[in-house]
Amino acid sequence: MTLAAPLRTGHGPVLADLLPAATTTRARVRDIALVVGGAALTGLAAQLSVPVPGSPVPVTGQTFAALLVGTALGTRRGLLSLALYLLLGAAGTPWFAGGTSGFGATFGYVVGFVVAAGMVGALAERGGDRGPLRMLGTMAVGSAAIYAVGVPWLAVSLDLSLSEAASLGLVPYLLGDAVKAALAMGALPAAWRLAGNGRD
């Protein structure tokens, strides 16, 4: 299987590299499709939105999708995919949480998705998605990156202190993040094992 991929960084393969591409042109077409598909998947997952009483930040599927996209696509493709999601949503595409778009109190989390996608993609290129414990660490790093941008943005947008913003936009979601991490711990290493490329 040829792993030709113009958008690779030179580290180890990620799941997306298991898709064959015999020539540079086909690899480029594959990469474009993966970038667009990852953005679309994140936008679709964002519509699974459940309001949290007392908080402007809903529980959605987009965080999980953004982390999976970054991990599966690797650094550059993951960054481009989530950057595309951000740019189109900022421009008016209604695919942020609950069919929203533009710049709002939760836009910082979307910026965090871009940062997180690059980080988890880089970790995946170094084997961070190959075993359950490594996947747990990868998810933790990605989630921390999202909150590191999202919570301060929320504080500034709503004129809150950082502690107030954390109580509204971080603390209520930690349990859900643990569940997502558990799902990822099983899903991605299992995908590598099915592909015959797992290494614990």
N, C-alpha and C. Protein backbone atom coordinates (compact mmCIF):
# COMPACT_ATOMS: atom_id res chain seq x y z
N MET A 1 0.84 -1.19 0.00
CA MET A 1 0.00 0.00 0.00
C MET A 1 0.88 1.24 0.00
N THR A 2 0.61 2.17 -0.91
CA THR A 2 1.40 3.38 -0.99
C THR A 2 0.84 4.43 -0.05
N LEU A 3 1.73 5.08 0.72
CA LEU A 3 1.30 6.11 1.65
C LEU A 3 1.67 7.48 1.13
N ALA A 4 1.56 7.70 -0.17
CA ALA A 4 1.83 9.01 -0.72
C ALA A 4 0.82 9.99 -0.17
N ALA A 5 1.30 11.12 0.37
CA ALA A 5 0.39 12.07 0.96
C ALA A 5 1.08 13.42 1.08
N PRO A 6 0.75 14.39 0.21
CA PRO A 6 1.39 15.68 0.25
C PRO A 6 1.20 16.42 1.57
N LEU A 7 0.15 16.10 2.29
CA LEU A 7 -0.14 16.82 3.52
C LEU A 7 0.35 16.09 4.76
N ARG A 8 1.26 15.15 4.59
CA ARG A 8 1.84 14.47 5.74
C ARG A 8 3.03 15.24 6.26
N THR A 9 3.44 15.01 7.49
CA THR A 9 4.52 15.77 8.10
C THR A 9 5.84 15.01 8.16
N GLY A 10 5.85 13.74 7.77
CA GLY A 10 7.09 12.99 7.80
C GLY A 10 7.21 12.08 9.00
N HIS A 11 6.27 12.10 9.92
CA HIS A 11 6.28 11.20 11.06
C HIS A 11 5.54 9.92 10.67
N GLY A 12 5.16 9.09 11.65
CA GLY A 12 4.50 7.83 11.36
C GLY A 12 3.12 8.03 10.77
N PRO A 13 2.54 6.96 10.19
CA PRO A 13 1.23 7.06 9.56
C PRO A 13 0.11 7.20 10.58
N VAL A 14 -0.97 7.82 10.13
CA VAL A 14 -2.21 7.90 10.91
C VAL A 14 -3.25 7.08 10.16
N LEU A 15 -4.44 6.95 10.74
CA LEU A 15 -5.45 6.09 10.13
C LEU A 15 -5.77 6.49 8.69
N ALA A 16 -5.80 7.78 8.42
CA ALA A 16 -6.15 8.24 7.07
C ALA A 16 -5.15 7.75 6.03
N ASP A 17 -3.92 7.51 6.44
CA ASP A 17 -2.90 7.06 5.50
C ASP A 17 -3.10 5.62 5.05
N LEU A 18 -4.01 4.91 5.70
CA LEU A 18 -4.31 3.55 5.27
C LEU A 18 -5.17 3.54 4.01
N LEU A 19 -5.73 4.70 3.65
CA LEU A 19 -6.48 4.80 2.39
C LEU A 19 -5.47 4.88 1.25
N PRO A 20 -5.52 3.96 0.29
CA PRO A 20 -4.48 3.90 -0.74
C PRO A 20 -4.51 5.09 -1.67
N ALA A 21 -3.33 5.51 -2.08
CA ALA A 21 -3.18 6.56 -3.09
C ALA A 21 -1.89 6.27 -3.84
N ALA A 22 -2.03 5.80 -5.06
CA ALA A 22 -0.87 5.30 -5.80
C ALA A 22 -0.01 6.41 -6.39
N THR A 23 -0.60 7.59 -6.58
CA THR A 23 0.15 8.69 -7.17
C THR A 23 -0.01 9.94 -6.31
N THR A 24 0.84 10.91 -6.55
CA THR A 24 0.75 12.18 -5.82
C THR A 24 -0.58 12.88 -6.09
N THR A 25 -1.04 12.82 -7.32
CA THR A 25 -2.32 13.46 -7.66
C THR A 25 -3.47 12.81 -6.90
N ARG A 26 -3.49 11.50 -6.87
CA ARG A 26 -4.55 10.80 -6.14
C ARG A 26 -4.45 11.06 -4.64
N ALA A 27 -3.23 11.16 -4.14
CA ALA A 27 -3.05 11.47 -2.73
C ALA A 27 -3.59 12.86 -2.41
N ARG A 28 -3.37 13.79 -3.33
CA ARG A 28 -3.86 15.15 -3.10
C ARG A 28 -5.39 15.18 -3.11
N VAL A 29 -5.99 14.46 -4.06
CA VAL A 29 -7.46 14.38 -4.12
C VAL A 29 -8.00 13.73 -2.84
N ARG A 30 -7.35 12.65 -2.42
CA ARG A 30 -7.75 11.98 -1.18
C ARG A 30 -7.68 12.95 0.00
N ASP A 31 -6.59 13.70 0.10
CA ASP A 31 -6.41 14.60 1.23
C ASP A 31 -7.46 15.70 1.24
N ILE A 32 -7.79 16.24 0.06
CA ILE A 32 -8.83 17.27 -0.02
C ILE A 32 -10.16 16.70 0.44
N ALA A 33 -10.48 15.48 -0.02
CA ALA A 33 -11.74 14.85 0.40
C ALA A 33 -11.77 14.62 1.91
N LEU A 34 -10.64 14.22 2.48
CA LEU A 34 -10.57 13.99 3.92
C LEU A 34 -10.75 15.28 4.70
N VAL A 35 -10.13 16.35 4.23
CA VAL A 35 -10.24 17.65 4.91
C VAL A 35 -11.69 18.15 4.88
N VAL A 36 -12.30 18.09 3.71
CA VAL A 36 -13.69 18.54 3.58
C VAL A 36 -14.62 17.61 4.37
N GLY A 37 -14.38 16.31 4.28
CA GLY A 37 -15.22 15.36 5.00
C GLY A 37 -15.12 15.52 6.51
N GLY A 38 -13.91 15.80 7.01
CA GLY A 38 -13.74 16.02 8.44
C GLY A 38 -14.48 17.25 8.92
N ALA A 39 -14.46 18.32 8.13
CA ALA A 39 -15.21 19.52 8.49
C ALA A 39 -16.70 19.24 8.49
N ALA A 40 -17.17 18.52 7.47
CA ALA A 40 -18.60 18.20 7.39
C ALA A 40 -19.04 17.30 8.55
N LEU A 41 -18.19 16.34 8.91
CA LEU A 41 -18.52 15.46 10.04
C LEU A 41 -18.64 16.26 11.33
N THR A 42 -17.72 17.20 11.54
CA THR A 42 -17.78 18.03 12.74
C THR A 42 -19.04 18.89 12.74
N GLY A 43 -19.38 19.45 11.58
CA GLY A 43 -20.61 20.24 11.49
C GLY A 43 -21.86 19.42 11.74
N LEU A 44 -21.86 18.19 11.26
CA LEU A 44 -23.01 17.30 11.50
C LEU A 44 -23.10 16.95 12.98
N ALA A 45 -21.96 16.62 13.58
CA ALA A 45 -21.95 16.26 15.00
C ALA A 45 -22.37 17.43 15.88
N ALA A 46 -22.12 18.65 15.42
CA ALA A 46 -22.50 19.84 16.20
C ALA A 46 -24.00 19.98 16.33
N GLN A 47 -24.73 19.33 15.43
CA GLN A 47 -26.20 19.43 15.52
C GLN A 47 -26.78 18.53 16.60
N LEU A 48 -25.95 17.62 17.14
CA LEU A 48 -26.36 16.86 18.32
C LEU A 48 -26.07 17.74 19.53
N SER A 49 -27.01 18.61 19.83
CA SER A 49 -26.79 19.67 20.81
C SER A 49 -27.85 19.61 21.90
N VAL A 50 -27.37 19.55 23.14
CA VAL A 50 -28.27 19.50 24.30
C VAL A 50 -27.94 20.67 25.22
N PRO A 51 -28.90 21.59 25.45
CA PRO A 51 -28.62 22.73 26.32
C PRO A 51 -28.30 22.29 27.75
N VAL A 52 -27.42 23.03 28.39
CA VAL A 52 -27.08 22.80 29.79
C VAL A 52 -27.69 23.93 30.60
N PRO A 53 -28.61 23.64 31.53
CA PRO A 53 -29.26 24.70 32.31
C PRO A 53 -28.24 25.62 32.99
N GLY A 54 -28.41 26.91 32.79
CA GLY A 54 -27.55 27.89 33.42
C GLY A 54 -26.25 28.16 32.70
N SER A 55 -25.99 27.47 31.58
CA SER A 55 -24.75 27.66 30.85
C SER A 55 -25.04 27.98 29.39
N PRO A 56 -24.28 28.89 28.78
CA PRO A 56 -24.46 29.17 27.35
C PRO A 56 -23.78 28.13 26.46
N VAL A 57 -23.10 27.17 27.06
CA VAL A 57 -22.35 26.16 26.30
C VAL A 57 -23.13 24.85 26.31
N PRO A 58 -23.66 24.42 25.16
CA PRO A 58 -24.40 23.15 25.13
C PRO A 58 -23.46 21.95 25.09
N VAL A 59 -24.00 20.80 25.41
CA VAL A 59 -23.29 19.54 25.18
C VAL A 59 -23.54 19.16 23.72
N THR A 60 -22.46 18.96 22.97
CA THR A 60 -22.61 18.61 21.55
C THR A 60 -21.69 17.45 21.20
N GLY A 61 -21.86 16.96 19.99
CA GLY A 61 -20.96 15.94 19.49
C GLY A 61 -19.75 16.50 18.78
N GLN A 62 -19.68 17.83 18.62
CA GLN A 62 -18.60 18.40 17.80
C GLN A 62 -17.22 18.28 18.44
N THR A 63 -17.15 18.34 19.77
CA THR A 63 -15.85 18.20 20.43
C THR A 63 -15.25 16.83 20.13
N PHE A 64 -16.06 15.80 20.31
CA PHE A 64 -15.60 14.44 20.05
C PHE A 64 -15.21 14.29 18.58
N ALA A 65 -16.04 14.85 17.69
CA ALA A 65 -15.76 14.75 16.26
C ALA A 65 -14.46 15.46 15.91
N ALA A 66 -14.26 16.65 16.46
CA ALA A 66 -13.04 17.42 16.16
C ALA A 66 -11.79 16.66 16.60
N LEU A 67 -11.84 16.04 17.77
CA LEU A 67 -10.69 15.29 18.26
C LEU A 67 -10.45 14.03 17.43
N LEU A 68 -11.50 13.37 17.04
CA LEU A 68 -11.34 12.18 16.20
C LEU A 68 -10.81 12.54 14.82
N VAL A 69 -11.31 13.64 14.27
CA VAL A 69 -10.83 14.08 12.95
C VAL A 69 -9.34 14.40 13.02
N GLY A 70 -8.94 15.15 14.04
CA GLY A 70 -7.53 15.47 14.17
C GLY A 70 -6.66 14.24 14.33
N THR A 71 -7.12 13.30 15.15
CA THR A 71 -6.35 12.08 15.39
C THR A 71 -6.27 11.22 14.14
N ALA A 72 -7.37 11.08 13.44
CA ALA A 72 -7.40 10.20 12.26
C ALA A 72 -6.68 10.81 11.06
N LEU A 73 -6.69 12.13 10.94
CA LEU A 73 -6.12 12.76 9.75
C LEU A 73 -4.67 13.19 9.92
N GLY A 74 -4.23 13.38 11.16
CA GLY A 74 -2.87 13.86 11.37
C GLY A 74 -2.81 15.37 11.46
N THR A 75 -1.63 15.89 11.70
CA THR A 75 -1.46 17.31 12.02
C THR A 75 -2.00 18.24 10.95
N ARG A 76 -1.46 18.16 9.76
CA ARG A 76 -1.80 19.16 8.74
C ARG A 76 -3.23 19.02 8.23
N ARG A 77 -3.62 17.79 7.91
CA ARG A 77 -4.99 17.61 7.42
C ARG A 77 -5.99 17.91 8.51
N GLY A 78 -5.68 17.54 9.76
CA GLY A 78 -6.58 17.85 10.86
C GLY A 78 -6.73 19.35 11.06
N LEU A 79 -5.60 20.06 11.05
CA LEU A 79 -5.65 21.52 11.16
C LEU A 79 -6.47 22.14 10.04
N LEU A 80 -6.23 21.72 8.81
CA LEU A 80 -6.95 22.28 7.68
C LEU A 80 -8.44 21.98 7.76
N SER A 81 -8.78 20.78 8.19
CA SER A 81 -10.19 20.39 8.27
C SER A 81 -10.95 21.24 9.28
N LEU A 82 -10.37 21.41 10.46
CA LEU A 82 -11.06 22.19 11.48
C LEU A 82 -10.98 23.68 11.19
N ALA A 83 -9.91 24.12 10.50
CA ALA A 83 -9.85 25.52 10.07
C ALA A 83 -10.95 25.80 9.05
N LEU A 84 -11.20 24.85 8.15
CA LEU A 84 -12.28 24.99 7.19
C LEU A 84 -13.62 25.07 7.91
N TYR A 85 -13.82 24.21 8.90
CA TYR A 85 -15.05 24.25 9.70
C TYR A 85 -15.22 25.62 10.34
N LEU A 86 -14.15 26.14 10.93
CA LEU A 86 -14.21 27.45 11.59
C LEU A 86 -14.52 28.57 10.59
N LEU A 87 -13.78 28.60 9.48
CA LEU A 87 -13.92 29.70 8.53
C LEU A 87 -15.31 29.73 7.90
N LEU A 88 -15.83 28.57 7.51
CA LEU A 88 -17.16 28.55 6.90
C LEU A 88 -18.24 28.89 7.92
N GLY A 89 -18.07 28.42 9.16
CA GLY A 89 -19.04 28.77 10.19
C GLY A 89 -19.00 30.25 10.53
N ALA A 90 -17.80 30.83 10.60
CA ALA A 90 -17.67 32.26 10.87
C ALA A 90 -18.28 33.09 9.74
N ALA A 91 -18.22 32.53 8.51
CA ALA A 91 -18.75 33.25 7.35
C ALA A 91 -20.27 33.11 7.21
N GLY A 92 -20.89 32.27 8.03
CA GLY A 92 -22.34 32.17 8.00
C GLY A 92 -22.93 30.80 7.78
N THR A 93 -22.09 29.80 7.51
CA THR A 93 -22.63 28.44 7.37
C THR A 93 -23.19 27.98 8.72
N PRO A 94 -24.46 27.61 8.78
CA PRO A 94 -25.08 27.30 10.08
C PRO A 94 -24.76 25.89 10.56
N TRP A 95 -23.48 25.64 10.84
CA TRP A 95 -23.11 24.30 11.28
C TRP A 95 -22.32 24.31 12.57
N PHE A 96 -22.35 25.40 13.30
CA PHE A 96 -21.87 25.37 14.67
C PHE A 96 -22.96 24.73 15.54
N ALA A 97 -22.75 24.67 16.84
CA ALA A 97 -23.68 23.98 17.74
C ALA A 97 -25.11 24.47 17.54
N GLY A 98 -26.02 23.54 17.33
CA GLY A 98 -27.43 23.87 17.21
C GLY A 98 -27.78 24.67 15.98
N GLY A 99 -26.98 24.60 14.91
CA GLY A 99 -27.30 25.31 13.69
C GLY A 99 -26.95 26.78 13.71
N THR A 100 -26.03 27.19 14.56
CA THR A 100 -25.63 28.59 14.64
C THR A 100 -24.41 28.83 13.75
N SER A 101 -24.01 30.09 13.66
CA SER A 101 -22.83 30.47 12.89
C SER A 101 -22.31 31.79 13.45
N GLY A 102 -21.20 32.26 12.91
CA GLY A 102 -20.68 33.55 13.30
C GLY A 102 -19.89 33.52 14.60
N PHE A 103 -19.66 34.71 15.13
CA PHE A 103 -18.86 34.87 16.34
C PHE A 103 -19.79 35.06 17.54
N GLY A 104 -19.71 34.13 18.48
CA GLY A 104 -20.54 34.23 19.67
C GLY A 104 -19.73 33.87 20.90
N ALA A 105 -20.42 33.71 22.01
CA ALA A 105 -19.73 33.43 23.27
C ALA A 105 -18.99 32.10 23.25
N THR A 106 -19.43 31.17 22.41
CA THR A 106 -18.79 29.86 22.36
C THR A 106 -17.82 29.70 21.19
N PHE A 107 -17.57 30.78 20.46
CA PHE A 107 -16.68 30.70 19.30
C PHE A 107 -15.26 30.30 19.71
N GLY A 108 -14.85 30.65 20.91
CA GLY A 108 -13.52 30.27 21.37
C GLY A 108 -13.30 28.77 21.38
N TYR A 109 -14.36 28.03 21.65
CA TYR A 109 -14.24 26.57 21.63
C TYR A 109 -13.94 26.08 20.20
N VAL A 110 -14.54 26.74 19.22
CA VAL A 110 -14.29 26.36 17.83
C VAL A 110 -12.83 26.66 17.46
N VAL A 111 -12.32 27.81 17.91
CA VAL A 111 -10.90 28.10 17.71
C VAL A 111 -10.06 27.02 18.38
N GLY A 112 -10.48 26.62 19.57
CA GLY A 112 -9.79 25.55 20.29
C GLY A 112 -9.80 24.24 19.53
N PHE A 113 -10.85 23.98 18.76
CA PHE A 113 -10.90 22.75 17.96
C PHE A 113 -9.74 22.71 16.96
N VAL A 114 -9.45 23.85 16.36
CA VAL A 114 -8.36 23.91 15.38
C VAL A 114 -7.03 23.60 16.05
N VAL A 115 -6.79 24.25 17.19
CA VAL A 115 -5.56 24.01 17.94
C VAL A 115 -5.46 22.55 18.36
N ALA A 116 -6.57 22.04 18.90
CA ALA A 116 -6.59 20.66 19.39
C ALA A 116 -6.37 19.66 18.27
N ALA A 117 -6.96 19.92 17.11
CA ALA A 117 -6.81 18.99 15.98
C ALA A 117 -5.33 18.86 15.59
N GLY A 118 -4.64 19.98 15.57
CA GLY A 118 -3.22 19.92 15.26
C GLY A 118 -2.43 19.16 16.31
N MET A 119 -2.77 19.38 17.56
CA MET A 119 -2.04 18.73 18.66
C MET A 119 -2.28 17.22 18.69
N VAL A 120 -3.55 16.81 18.61
CA VAL A 120 -3.81 15.37 18.66
C VAL A 120 -3.33 14.69 17.39
N GLY A 121 -3.34 15.42 16.26
CA GLY A 121 -2.80 14.86 15.03
C GLY A 121 -1.31 14.59 15.15
N ALA A 122 -0.59 15.53 15.76
CA ALA A 122 0.85 15.34 15.97
C ALA A 122 1.12 14.17 16.90
N LEU A 123 0.30 14.03 17.93
CA LEU A 123 0.47 12.90 18.85
C LEU A 123 0.16 11.57 18.15
N ALA A 124 -0.87 11.57 17.30
CA ALA A 124 -1.22 10.35 16.57
C ALA A 124 -0.09 9.94 15.64
N GLU A 125 0.59 10.90 15.04
CA GLU A 125 1.72 10.59 14.16
C GLU A 125 2.88 9.97 14.92
N ARG A 126 2.85 10.11 16.23
CA ARG A 126 3.88 9.52 17.08
C ARG A 126 3.35 8.31 17.85
N GLY A 127 2.23 7.75 17.39
CA GLY A 127 1.68 6.55 18.00
C GLY A 127 0.70 6.81 19.13
N GLY A 128 0.23 8.04 19.28
CA GLY A 128 -0.66 8.38 20.38
C GLY A 128 -2.06 7.81 20.29
N ASP A 129 -2.37 7.15 19.16
CA ASP A 129 -3.69 6.53 19.00
C ASP A 129 -3.61 5.02 18.92
N ARG A 130 -2.44 4.44 19.23
CA ARG A 130 -2.24 3.01 19.02
C ARG A 130 -2.62 2.15 20.22
N GLY A 131 -2.71 2.69 21.40
CA GLY A 131 -3.07 1.91 22.58
C GLY A 131 -4.03 2.70 23.44
N PRO A 132 -4.82 2.02 24.29
CA PRO A 132 -5.82 2.72 25.12
C PRO A 132 -5.25 3.82 26.00
N LEU A 133 -4.14 3.56 26.69
CA LEU A 133 -3.59 4.58 27.59
C LEU A 133 -3.04 5.76 26.81
N ARG A 134 -2.39 5.50 25.69
CA ARG A 134 -1.89 6.59 24.87
C ARG A 134 -3.04 7.39 24.27
N MET A 135 -4.11 6.71 23.90
CA MET A 135 -5.27 7.42 23.37
C MET A 135 -5.91 8.28 24.44
N LEU A 136 -5.94 7.79 25.67
CA LEU A 136 -6.47 8.59 26.78
C LEU A 136 -5.66 9.88 26.93
N GLY A 137 -4.34 9.75 26.89
CA GLY A 137 -3.49 10.94 26.98
C GLY A 137 -3.71 11.90 25.83
N THR A 138 -3.87 11.36 24.62
CA THR A 138 -4.10 12.19 23.45
C THR A 138 -5.41 12.97 23.58
N MET A 139 -6.47 12.30 24.02
CA MET A 139 -7.74 12.97 24.22
C MET A 139 -7.66 14.03 25.31
N ALA A 140 -6.93 13.74 26.37
CA ALA A 140 -6.79 14.71 27.46
C ALA A 140 -6.08 15.98 26.98
N VAL A 141 -5.03 15.80 26.19
CA VAL A 141 -4.31 16.96 25.66
C VAL A 141 -5.22 17.78 24.75
N GLY A 142 -5.96 17.11 23.88
CA GLY A 142 -6.87 17.81 22.98
C GLY A 142 -7.96 18.56 23.72
N SER A 143 -8.56 17.91 24.71
CA SER A 143 -9.62 18.57 25.49
C SER A 143 -9.08 19.79 26.23
N ALA A 144 -7.89 19.65 26.80
CA ALA A 144 -7.28 20.78 27.51
C ALA A 144 -7.05 21.96 26.58
N ALA A 145 -6.63 21.68 25.35
CA ALA A 145 -6.40 22.75 24.38
C ALA A 145 -7.71 23.48 24.05
N ILE A 146 -8.79 22.73 23.92
CA ILE A 146 -10.08 23.34 23.61
C ILE A 146 -10.51 24.26 24.74
N TYR A 147 -10.42 23.79 25.97
CA TYR A 147 -10.81 24.62 27.11
C TYR A 147 -9.88 25.81 27.31
N ALA A 148 -8.61 25.63 26.99
CA ALA A 148 -7.63 26.71 27.17
C ALA A 148 -7.97 27.93 26.31
N VAL A 149 -8.63 27.70 25.19
CA VAL A 149 -9.06 28.80 24.34
C VAL A 149 -10.52 29.17 24.63
N GLY A 150 -11.37 28.15 24.77
CA GLY A 150 -12.80 28.40 24.91
C GLY A 150 -13.20 29.12 26.18
N VAL A 151 -12.60 28.75 27.31
CA VAL A 151 -13.01 29.36 28.58
C VAL A 151 -12.62 30.83 28.66
N PRO A 152 -11.40 31.23 28.31
CA PRO A 152 -11.09 32.67 28.31
C PRO A 152 -11.96 33.48 27.34
N TRP A 153 -12.25 32.90 26.16
CA TRP A 153 -13.13 33.59 25.21
C TRP A 153 -14.50 33.79 25.83
N LEU A 154 -15.01 32.76 26.49
CA LEU A 154 -16.31 32.85 27.16
C LEU A 154 -16.28 33.94 28.22
N ALA A 155 -15.20 34.03 28.99
CA ALA A 155 -15.08 35.03 30.04
C ALA A 155 -15.12 36.44 29.46
N VAL A 156 -14.37 36.65 28.39
CA VAL A 156 -14.34 37.99 27.77
C VAL A 156 -15.69 38.33 27.14
N SER A 157 -16.29 37.35 26.46
CA SER A 157 -17.55 37.58 25.75
C SER A 157 -18.68 37.94 26.70
N LEU A 158 -18.70 37.30 27.85
CA LEU A 158 -19.81 37.50 28.80
C LEU A 158 -19.41 38.36 30.00
N ASP A 159 -18.19 38.94 29.97
CA ASP A 159 -17.70 39.79 31.05
C ASP A 159 -17.73 39.03 32.39
N LEU A 160 -17.11 37.86 32.37
CA LEU A 160 -17.02 37.02 33.56
C LEU A 160 -15.57 36.90 34.01
N SER A 161 -15.38 36.51 35.26
CA SER A 161 -14.03 36.14 35.69
C SER A 161 -13.71 34.77 35.10
N LEU A 162 -12.43 34.42 35.10
CA LEU A 162 -12.05 33.11 34.59
C LEU A 162 -12.67 31.98 35.40
N SER A 163 -12.75 32.17 36.71
CA SER A 163 -13.35 31.12 37.55
C SER A 163 -14.83 30.97 37.26
N GLU A 164 -15.51 32.09 37.03
CA GLU A 164 -16.93 32.01 36.67
C GLU A 164 -17.11 31.34 35.31
N ALA A 165 -16.24 31.70 34.36
CA ALA A 165 -16.34 31.08 33.04
C ALA A 165 -16.05 29.58 33.11
N ALA A 166 -15.09 29.19 33.96
CA ALA A 166 -14.78 27.77 34.11
C ALA A 166 -15.95 27.02 34.72
N SER A 167 -16.64 27.63 35.65
CA SER A 167 -17.78 26.96 36.28
C SER A 167 -18.94 26.79 35.30
N LEU A 168 -19.01 27.68 34.29
CA LEU A 168 -20.06 27.58 33.29
C LEU A 168 -19.64 26.76 32.07
N GLY A 169 -18.37 26.86 31.70
CA GLY A 169 -17.95 26.30 30.43
C GLY A 169 -16.92 25.20 30.49
N LEU A 170 -16.63 24.70 31.71
CA LEU A 170 -15.67 23.60 31.83
C LEU A 170 -16.17 22.53 32.79
N VAL A 171 -16.43 22.92 34.02
CA VAL A 171 -16.78 21.94 35.07
C VAL A 171 -17.96 21.04 34.70
N PRO A 172 -19.05 21.59 34.11
CA PRO A 172 -20.19 20.70 33.82
C PRO A 172 -19.91 19.64 32.75
N TYR A 173 -18.78 19.76 32.07
CA TYR A 173 -18.53 18.90 30.91
C TYR A 173 -17.45 17.85 31.16
N LEU A 174 -16.87 17.86 32.34
CA LEU A 174 -15.76 16.95 32.60
C LEU A 174 -16.19 15.48 32.58
N LEU A 175 -17.37 15.19 33.11
CA LEU A 175 -17.86 13.81 33.09
C LEU A 175 -18.08 13.34 31.66
N GLY A 176 -18.70 14.19 30.86
CA GLY A 176 -18.91 13.84 29.45
C GLY A 176 -17.61 13.64 28.71
N ASP A 177 -16.61 14.46 29.05
CA ASP A 177 -15.30 14.30 28.42
C ASP A 177 -14.68 12.95 28.78
N ALA A 178 -14.90 12.51 30.01
CA ALA A 178 -14.38 11.22 30.43
C ALA A 178 -15.03 10.08 29.63
N VAL A 179 -16.32 10.22 29.37
CA VAL A 179 -17.03 9.21 28.57
C VAL A 179 -16.50 9.19 27.14
N LYS A 180 -16.30 10.39 26.57
CA LYS A 180 -15.76 10.47 25.21
C LYS A 180 -14.37 9.87 25.13
N ALA A 181 -13.56 10.15 26.15
CA ALA A 181 -12.21 9.59 26.17
C ALA A 181 -12.25 8.07 26.23
N ALA A 182 -13.19 7.54 27.01
CA ALA A 182 -13.32 6.08 27.11
C ALA A 182 -13.71 5.47 25.77
N LEU A 183 -14.61 6.14 25.06
CA LEU A 183 -15.01 5.66 23.73
C LEU A 183 -13.82 5.67 22.77
N ALA A 184 -13.07 6.76 22.80
CA ALA A 184 -11.91 6.87 21.92
C ALA A 184 -10.84 5.85 22.27
N MET A 185 -10.68 5.57 23.57
CA MET A 185 -9.70 4.58 24.01
C MET A 185 -9.95 3.21 23.39
N GLY A 186 -11.23 2.92 23.17
CA GLY A 186 -11.56 1.64 22.55
C GLY A 186 -11.57 1.69 21.04
N ALA A 187 -12.09 2.80 20.48
CA ALA A 187 -12.35 2.85 19.05
C ALA A 187 -11.09 2.93 18.20
N LEU A 188 -10.21 3.87 18.48
CA LEU A 188 -9.07 4.06 17.59
C LEU A 188 -8.03 2.94 17.68
N PRO A 189 -7.63 2.51 18.88
CA PRO A 189 -6.73 1.35 18.91
C PRO A 189 -7.34 0.12 18.24
N ALA A 190 -8.66 -0.05 18.39
CA ALA A 190 -9.32 -1.18 17.75
C ALA A 190 -9.25 -1.06 16.23
N ALA A 191 -9.38 0.16 15.72
CA ALA A 191 -9.28 0.36 14.27
C ALA A 191 -7.89 -0.02 13.76
N TRP A 192 -6.86 0.31 14.52
CA TRP A 192 -5.50 -0.08 14.14
C TRP A 192 -5.33 -1.61 14.19
N ARG A 193 -5.90 -2.23 15.20
CA ARG A 193 -5.80 -3.69 15.28
C ARG A 193 -6.49 -4.37 14.11
N LEU A 194 -7.66 -3.85 13.74
CA LEU A 194 -8.39 -4.39 12.59
C LEU A 194 -7.60 -4.23 11.31
N ALA A 195 -6.86 -3.12 11.24
CA ALA A 195 -6.03 -2.88 10.06
C ALA A 195 -4.73 -3.67 10.07
N GLY A 196 -4.46 -4.32 11.21
CA GLY A 196 -3.24 -5.10 11.31
C GLY A 196 -2.01 -4.29 11.55
N ASN A 197 -2.20 -3.04 12.08
CA ASN A 197 -1.05 -2.17 12.27
C ASN A 197 -0.91 -1.73 13.72
N GLY A 198 -1.64 -2.35 14.64
CA GLY A 198 -1.57 -1.92 16.03
C GLY A 198 -0.25 -2.29 16.69
N ARG A 199 0.19 -1.44 17.61
CA ARG A 199 1.35 -1.76 18.41
C ARG A 199 1.16 -1.14 19.77
N ASP A 200 1.06 -1.94 20.79
CA ASP A 200 0.84 -1.45 22.13
C ASP A 200 2.16 -1.25 22.84
